[in-house]
Amino acid sequence: MISGLYAVTPDEINTDLLVAKVEAALQGGISVLQYRNKLADHKLQTQQARAILLLCRQYQVPLIINDSVKICLTLDADGVHIGADDGNLTEIRSRIGEDKILGASCYNRFDLALAAQQAGADYVAFGACFASYTKPSAPVANLSLFEQTQVQLHIPAVAIGGITLANATQVIEAGARSIAVINAIFNADDVKYATQQFAQLFKD
């Protein structure tokens, strides 16, 4: 069950730097990690994901691969996260099996969340909840979507997009089971400390 702090890796080509930041985030208390690197080719993505998976195993944190079912299956990672235009969820569930995590981006559309649940997704993600540096043109997801999930979904909802320590409580109180964070963690001067601050929000 997806819950708590869900970290998403930045677009970092330097594998050693990326691995160091990921380990700091793991030490800080993330619950889930998604490997995502839009600047890397398939070979580098595979290399980076393999290195990160070893760390995630040490800290017993599931590693979800963004978009690539192939990398997920090649490395035996814990799951895959799929965008609305990146494949058929029912077919992907069949490919990865029932034991792996399947997540789906639903942007600001609750109909996509209902369809994802029907197709076998383990969680859905709504965003951008706030102005996002990573995806500045992303549609805004109203926080009322998370209130709907409490009534109409039996799978958890993840909030993503522009989430900072200043606004994270808003989405948690709205009903988000998990918050996905990229820049506010991995661009921080002290990645471990920044992670600890976010993780504490789910303990208070």
Protein backbone atom coordinates (compact mmCIF):
# COMPACT_ATOMS: atom_id res chain seq x y z
CA MET A 1 0.00 0.00 0.00
CA ILE A 2 1.51 3.31 -1.10
CA SER A 3 1.64 5.89 1.68
CA GLY A 4 3.90 8.52 3.19
CA LEU A 5 6.72 10.30 1.41
CA TYR A 6 7.17 9.26 -2.23
CA ALA A 7 10.42 10.59 -3.68
CA VAL A 8 10.94 10.93 -7.44
CA THR A 9 14.49 11.15 -8.74
CA PRO A 10 15.66 14.27 -10.61
CA ASP A 11 17.01 14.37 -14.18
CA GLU A 12 20.61 13.75 -13.14
CA ILE A 13 23.14 12.33 -15.62
CA ASN A 14 25.92 11.92 -13.03
CA THR A 15 25.19 8.48 -11.62
CA ASP A 16 27.48 8.82 -8.60
CA LEU A 17 25.82 12.09 -7.60
CA LEU A 18 22.35 10.64 -8.14
CA VAL A 19 23.12 7.55 -6.05
CA ALA A 20 24.53 9.73 -3.24
CA LYS A 21 21.39 11.87 -3.20
CA VAL A 22 19.14 8.82 -3.27
CA GLU A 23 20.97 7.25 -0.32
CA ALA A 24 20.58 10.49 1.65
CA ALA A 25 16.84 10.45 0.90
CA LEU A 26 16.60 6.82 1.97
CA GLN A 27 18.39 7.69 5.21
CA GLY A 28 15.94 10.55 5.67
CA GLY A 29 12.93 8.25 5.63
CA ILE A 30 11.23 8.06 2.23
CA SER A 31 8.56 5.36 1.95
CA VAL A 32 8.71 4.85 -1.82
CA LEU A 33 11.14 5.84 -4.58
CA GLN A 34 10.40 6.32 -8.26
CA TYR A 35 13.29 6.30 -10.70
CA ARG A 36 12.64 8.90 -13.38
CA ASN A 37 15.28 10.50 -15.62
CA LYS A 38 14.06 12.12 -18.83
CA LEU A 39 17.59 13.17 -19.86
CA ALA A 40 19.08 9.67 -19.82
CA ASP A 41 18.98 7.17 -22.68
CA HIS A 42 17.79 3.61 -22.11
CA LYS A 43 21.28 2.30 -21.33
CA LEU A 44 21.97 4.96 -18.70
CA GLN A 45 18.49 4.59 -17.23
CA THR A 46 19.11 0.87 -16.80
CA GLN A 47 22.51 1.46 -15.20
CA GLN A 48 21.18 4.09 -12.81
CA ALA A 49 18.09 2.10 -11.89
CA ARG A 50 20.21 -0.98 -11.17
CA ALA A 51 22.48 1.00 -8.81
CA ILE A 52 19.50 2.60 -7.07
CA LEU A 53 17.69 -0.72 -6.72
CA LEU A 54 20.59 -2.14 -4.69
CA LEU A 55 20.25 0.78 -2.27
CA CYS A 56 16.48 0.45 -2.05
CA ARG A 57 16.86 -3.22 -1.19
CA GLN A 58 19.22 -2.30 1.67
CA TYR A 59 16.71 0.18 3.10
CA GLN A 60 13.68 -2.00 2.29
CA VAL A 61 12.04 0.74 0.23
CA PRO A 62 10.17 -0.21 -2.97
CA LEU A 63 11.60 1.11 -6.26
CA ILE A 64 9.12 2.01 -8.98
CA ILE A 65 10.32 2.67 -12.52
CA ASN A 66 8.80 5.55 -14.47
CA ASP A 67 7.24 4.51 -17.80
CA SER A 68 9.56 1.59 -18.63
CA VAL A 69 8.03 -1.85 -18.14
CA LYS A 70 11.14 -3.27 -19.83
CA ILE A 71 13.53 -1.84 -17.21
CA CYS A 72 11.20 -2.86 -14.40
CA LEU A 73 11.14 -6.47 -15.58
CA THR A 74 14.83 -6.60 -16.54
CA LEU A 75 15.93 -5.52 -13.07
CA ASP A 76 13.03 -7.10 -11.17
CA ALA A 77 12.18 -3.72 -9.65
CA ASP A 78 9.11 -3.41 -7.45
CA GLY A 79 6.79 -1.72 -9.92
CA VAL A 80 6.17 0.74 -12.72
CA HIS A 81 4.45 4.12 -12.99
CA ILE A 82 2.62 4.89 -16.23
CA GLY A 83 1.41 8.13 -17.78
CA ALA A 84 -1.94 8.34 -19.55
CA ASP A 85 -0.29 8.10 -22.99
CA ASP A 86 2.36 5.53 -22.11
CA GLY A 87 0.48 2.27 -22.42
CA ASN A 88 -2.64 0.31 -21.65
CA LEU A 89 -2.86 -0.34 -17.92
CA THR A 90 -4.69 -3.65 -18.27
CA GLU A 91 -2.03 -4.96 -20.65
CA ILE A 92 0.78 -3.67 -18.43
CA ARG A 93 -0.74 -5.35 -15.38
CA SER A 94 -0.77 -8.59 -17.33
CA ARG A 95 2.89 -8.15 -18.28
CA ILE A 96 4.24 -7.29 -14.83
CA GLY A 97 2.05 -9.71 -12.87
CA GLU A 98 0.04 -9.21 -9.73
CA ASP A 99 3.00 -8.99 -7.35
CA LYS A 100 4.41 -5.72 -8.72
CA ILE A 101 3.15 -2.21 -8.02
CA LEU A 102 1.31 -0.41 -10.81
CA GLY A 103 0.80 3.34 -10.55
CA ALA A 104 -1.00 5.66 -12.95
CA SER A 105 -0.84 9.39 -13.59
CA CYS A 106 -4.35 10.85 -13.69
CA TYR A 107 -3.44 14.56 -13.83
CA ASN A 108 -6.61 16.48 -12.90
CA ARG A 109 -9.12 13.88 -14.11
CA PHE A 110 -11.06 11.68 -11.73
CA ASP A 111 -12.42 9.61 -14.63
CA LEU A 112 -8.88 8.43 -15.36
CA ALA A 113 -8.51 7.41 -11.71
CA LEU A 114 -11.67 5.32 -11.84
CA ALA A 115 -10.48 3.68 -15.07
CA ALA A 116 -7.03 3.03 -13.57
CA GLN A 117 -8.56 1.36 -10.54
CA GLN A 118 -10.69 -0.80 -12.82
CA ALA A 119 -7.59 -1.76 -14.84
CA GLY A 120 -5.76 -2.98 -11.77
CA ALA A 121 -3.66 0.01 -10.67
CA ASP A 122 -2.42 -0.04 -7.08
CA TYR A 123 -2.44 3.74 -6.75
CA VAL A 124 -3.22 6.88 -8.76
CA ALA A 125 -1.41 10.22 -8.85
CA PHE A 126 -3.04 13.63 -9.27
CA GLY A 127 -1.09 16.75 -10.19
CA ALA A 128 0.17 19.31 -10.58
CA CYS A 129 -1.27 20.30 -7.23
CA PHE A 130 0.76 23.52 -7.24
CA ALA A 131 2.95 25.37 -9.73
CA SER A 132 5.57 22.84 -10.79
CA TYR A 133 9.16 23.57 -11.79
CA THR A 134 9.46 20.09 -13.33
CA LYS A 135 6.29 20.43 -15.42
CA PRO A 136 5.41 24.13 -15.64
CA SER A 137 2.65 23.56 -18.22
CA ALA A 138 0.95 20.74 -16.30
CA PRO A 139 -2.79 21.14 -15.65
CA VAL A 140 -3.73 22.15 -12.12
CA ALA A 141 -5.28 19.39 -10.03
CA ASN A 142 -7.86 20.69 -7.58
CA LEU A 143 -7.37 19.35 -4.07
CA SER A 144 -11.04 18.30 -4.01
CA LEU A 145 -9.93 15.30 -6.12
CA PHE A 146 -8.40 13.80 -2.99
CA GLU A 147 -11.65 14.18 -1.11
CA GLN A 148 -13.37 12.24 -3.91
CA THR A 149 -10.86 9.41 -3.59
CA GLN A 150 -11.91 8.86 0.01
CA VAL A 151 -15.43 8.02 -1.18
CA GLN A 152 -15.06 6.51 -4.64
CA LEU A 153 -11.66 4.77 -4.69
CA HIS A 154 -10.30 1.89 -2.66
CA ILE A 155 -6.72 2.53 -3.81
CA PRO A 156 -4.54 5.38 -2.47
CA ALA A 157 -4.00 8.72 -4.18
CA VAL A 158 -0.60 10.39 -4.48
CA ALA A 159 -0.26 14.17 -4.78
CA ILE A 160 2.47 15.53 -7.04
CA GLY A 161 3.55 18.83 -8.50
CA GLY A 162 5.12 21.80 -6.76
CA ILE A 163 4.86 20.27 -3.29
CA THR A 164 6.98 21.99 -0.64
CA LEU A 165 7.10 21.97 3.14
CA ALA A 166 4.95 25.11 3.05
CA ASN A 167 2.03 23.49 1.20
CA ALA A 168 2.38 19.73 1.79
CA THR A 169 -0.01 19.74 4.75
CA GLN A 170 -2.79 21.05 2.50
CA VAL A 171 -2.77 17.96 0.28
CA ILE A 172 -2.37 15.55 3.19
CA GLU A 173 -5.37 17.11 4.94
CA ALA A 174 -7.33 16.99 1.66
CA GLY A 175 -6.94 13.22 1.62
CA ALA A 176 -3.72 12.41 -0.24
CA ARG A 177 -2.31 9.19 1.16
CA SER A 178 1.13 10.07 -0.16
CA ILE A 179 3.02 13.10 -1.48
CA ALA A 180 5.50 12.86 -4.34
CA VAL A 181 8.43 15.26 -4.12
CA ILE A 182 11.35 15.90 -6.47
CA ASN A 183 13.01 19.30 -6.23
CA ALA A 184 12.22 20.15 -2.62
CA ILE A 185 14.20 17.06 -1.64
CA PHE A 186 16.87 16.50 -4.26
CA ASN A 187 17.73 20.17 -4.83
CA ALA A 188 18.04 20.83 -1.10
CA ASP A 189 21.43 21.68 0.37
CA ASP A 190 20.95 18.83 2.83
CA VAL A 191 18.92 16.07 1.17
CA LYS A 192 18.67 13.89 4.27
CA TYR A 193 17.42 16.73 6.47
CA ALA A 194 14.90 17.91 3.87
CA THR A 195 13.60 14.35 3.59
CA GLN A 196 13.28 14.04 7.36
CA GLN A 197 11.19 17.21 7.47
CA PHE A 198 8.75 15.87 4.86
CA ALA A 199 8.61 12.41 6.45
CA GLN A 200 7.77 13.97 9.81
CA LEU A 201 4.55 15.38 8.33
CA PHE A 202 3.12 11.85 8.28
CA LYS A 203 4.06 11.26 11.92
CA ASP A 204 2.67 14.46 13.43
